[in-house]
Amino acid sequence: MYTSKREVLKLTQWEIKEHPEFFKDLDKLGKQELEIFFKKKNKIKENPLRLKHLSGGEHCYREPITPNIRLIYFLQGQTIWLLTIGRHDDAYKMYIRRLYAIKDRMARGEII
């Protein structure tokens, strides 16, 4: 029996971690946006390969929260790193910087 990569990822137990500045992003959201975020966060945990991969960062994905708010996350092993959430243009500008900050800390052995 063949199991596709997508099916294997659905069966994986995912751990969610946040970039240290991610909570500052959440503080800027309204109540309705936060409610949508928490629902989408659970869906991402069930199936992190929900949407298209982002260019510029390997294993990075986006999830629309509203027409103008995006959640951007990075998959590393069995961990989903929440990088940024915010206005469309701001989120795309911020995610590369945060992605490389996390990768740098991993390379130095500061985070697993």
Protein backbone atom coordinates (compact mmCIF):
# COMPACT_ATOMS: atom_id res chain seq x y z
CA MET A 1 0.00 0.00 0.00
CA TYR A 2 1.41 3.38 -1.03
CA THR A 3 1.18 6.36 1.29
CA SER A 4 1.74 9.76 -0.28
CA LYS A 5 3.93 12.40 1.33
CA ARG A 6 0.84 14.51 2.01
CA GLU A 7 -0.89 11.58 3.79
CA VAL A 8 2.21 10.94 5.91
CA LEU A 9 2.31 14.61 6.94
CA LYS A 10 -1.34 14.44 8.02
CA LEU A 11 -0.52 11.51 10.31
CA THR A 12 2.50 13.25 11.84
CA GLN A 13 2.21 14.71 15.32
CA TRP A 14 3.09 18.35 14.79
CA GLU A 15 4.50 20.69 17.43
CA ILE A 16 3.79 24.38 17.06
CA LYS A 17 6.40 26.96 18.03
CA GLU A 18 6.37 30.70 17.57
CA HIS A 19 9.04 33.17 16.56
CA PRO A 20 9.80 35.30 19.66
CA GLU A 21 8.19 38.37 18.06
CA PHE A 22 5.08 36.51 16.88
CA PHE A 23 3.10 37.45 19.99
CA LYS A 24 3.67 41.14 19.25
CA ASP A 25 2.00 40.51 15.90
CA LEU A 26 -0.97 38.88 17.62
CA ASP A 27 -1.36 41.90 19.93
CA LYS A 28 -2.04 44.04 16.85
CA LEU A 29 -5.00 41.92 15.71
CA GLY A 30 -8.64 42.50 16.54
CA LYS A 31 -10.88 40.01 18.34
CA GLN A 32 -12.46 38.66 15.13
CA GLU A 33 -9.07 38.21 13.45
CA LEU A 34 -7.77 36.36 16.53
CA GLU A 35 -10.74 33.99 16.49
CA ILE A 36 -10.10 33.18 12.83
CA PHE A 37 -6.38 32.73 13.55
CA PHE A 38 -7.01 30.14 16.28
CA LYS A 39 -9.35 28.15 14.01
CA LYS A 40 -6.84 28.24 11.16
CA LYS A 41 -4.00 27.29 13.52
CA ASN A 42 -5.80 24.03 14.34
CA LYS A 43 -6.39 23.31 10.65
CA ILE A 44 -2.72 23.94 9.90
CA LYS A 45 -1.72 21.52 12.65
CA GLU A 46 -3.92 18.85 11.03
CA ASN A 47 -2.51 19.50 7.55
CA PRO A 48 0.37 22.00 7.27
CA LEU A 49 0.65 21.64 3.48
CA ARG A 50 -2.70 23.32 2.96
CA LEU A 51 -1.63 26.06 0.58
CA LYS A 52 1.13 26.96 -1.84
CA HIS A 53 4.73 27.17 -0.84
CA LEU A 54 6.15 30.71 -0.64
CA SER A 55 9.06 31.71 -2.81
CA GLY A 56 12.17 32.88 -1.02
CA GLY A 57 11.94 30.44 1.87
CA GLU A 58 12.12 26.67 1.63
CA HIS A 59 9.22 24.95 3.44
CA CYS A 60 7.37 28.23 4.05
CA TYR A 61 3.62 28.54 3.59
CA ARG A 62 0.92 31.18 3.94
CA GLU A 63 -2.58 31.03 5.29
CA PRO A 64 -5.04 33.87 4.66
CA ILE A 65 -6.78 35.02 7.83
CA THR A 66 -8.77 37.80 6.14
CA PRO A 67 -8.42 39.27 2.65
CA ASN A 68 -5.66 41.55 4.01
CA ILE A 69 -4.15 39.51 6.91
CA ARG A 70 -1.71 36.64 6.31
CA LEU A 71 -0.21 34.04 8.61
CA ILE A 72 3.17 32.78 7.42
CA TYR A 73 4.72 29.62 8.81
CA PHE A 74 7.75 27.40 8.27
CA LEU A 75 7.99 23.60 8.50
CA GLN A 76 11.11 22.10 10.02
CA GLY A 77 11.08 18.42 10.88
CA GLN A 78 7.89 17.87 12.88
CA THR A 79 7.69 21.50 13.97
CA ILE A 80 5.48 24.24 12.57
CA TRP A 81 7.13 27.60 13.22
CA LEU A 82 4.67 30.50 13.20
CA LEU A 83 6.79 33.32 11.78
CA THR A 84 4.52 36.30 11.38
CA ILE A 85 0.90 37.38 11.08
CA GLY A 86 -0.18 40.76 9.85
CA ARG A 87 -1.15 42.90 6.92
CA HIS A 88 -0.44 41.30 3.58
CA ASP A 89 2.58 43.40 2.51
CA ASP A 90 4.05 43.70 6.02
CA ALA A 91 3.85 39.94 6.62
CA TYR A 92 5.66 39.14 3.38
CA LYS A 93 8.43 41.66 4.17
CA MET A 94 8.86 40.33 7.71
CA TYR A 95 8.85 36.57 7.16
CA ILE A 96 12.23 36.27 5.42
CA ARG A 97 13.99 38.13 8.24
CA ARG A 98 12.33 35.99 10.90
CA LEU A 99 12.92 32.77 8.98
CA TYR A 100 16.65 33.38 8.75
CA ALA A 101 16.82 34.46 12.40
CA ILE A 102 15.33 31.07 13.41
CA LYS A 103 17.62 29.16 11.04
CA ASP A 104 20.62 31.03 12.43
CA ARG A 105 19.66 30.18 16.02
CA MET A 106 19.20 26.52 15.01
CA ALA A 107 22.63 26.46 13.39
CA ARG A 108 24.19 27.81 16.59
CA GLY A 109 22.37 25.18 18.64
CA GLU A 110 20.30 27.70 20.58
CA ILE A 111 17.00 26.10 19.61
CA ILE A 112 16.10 22.60 18.54
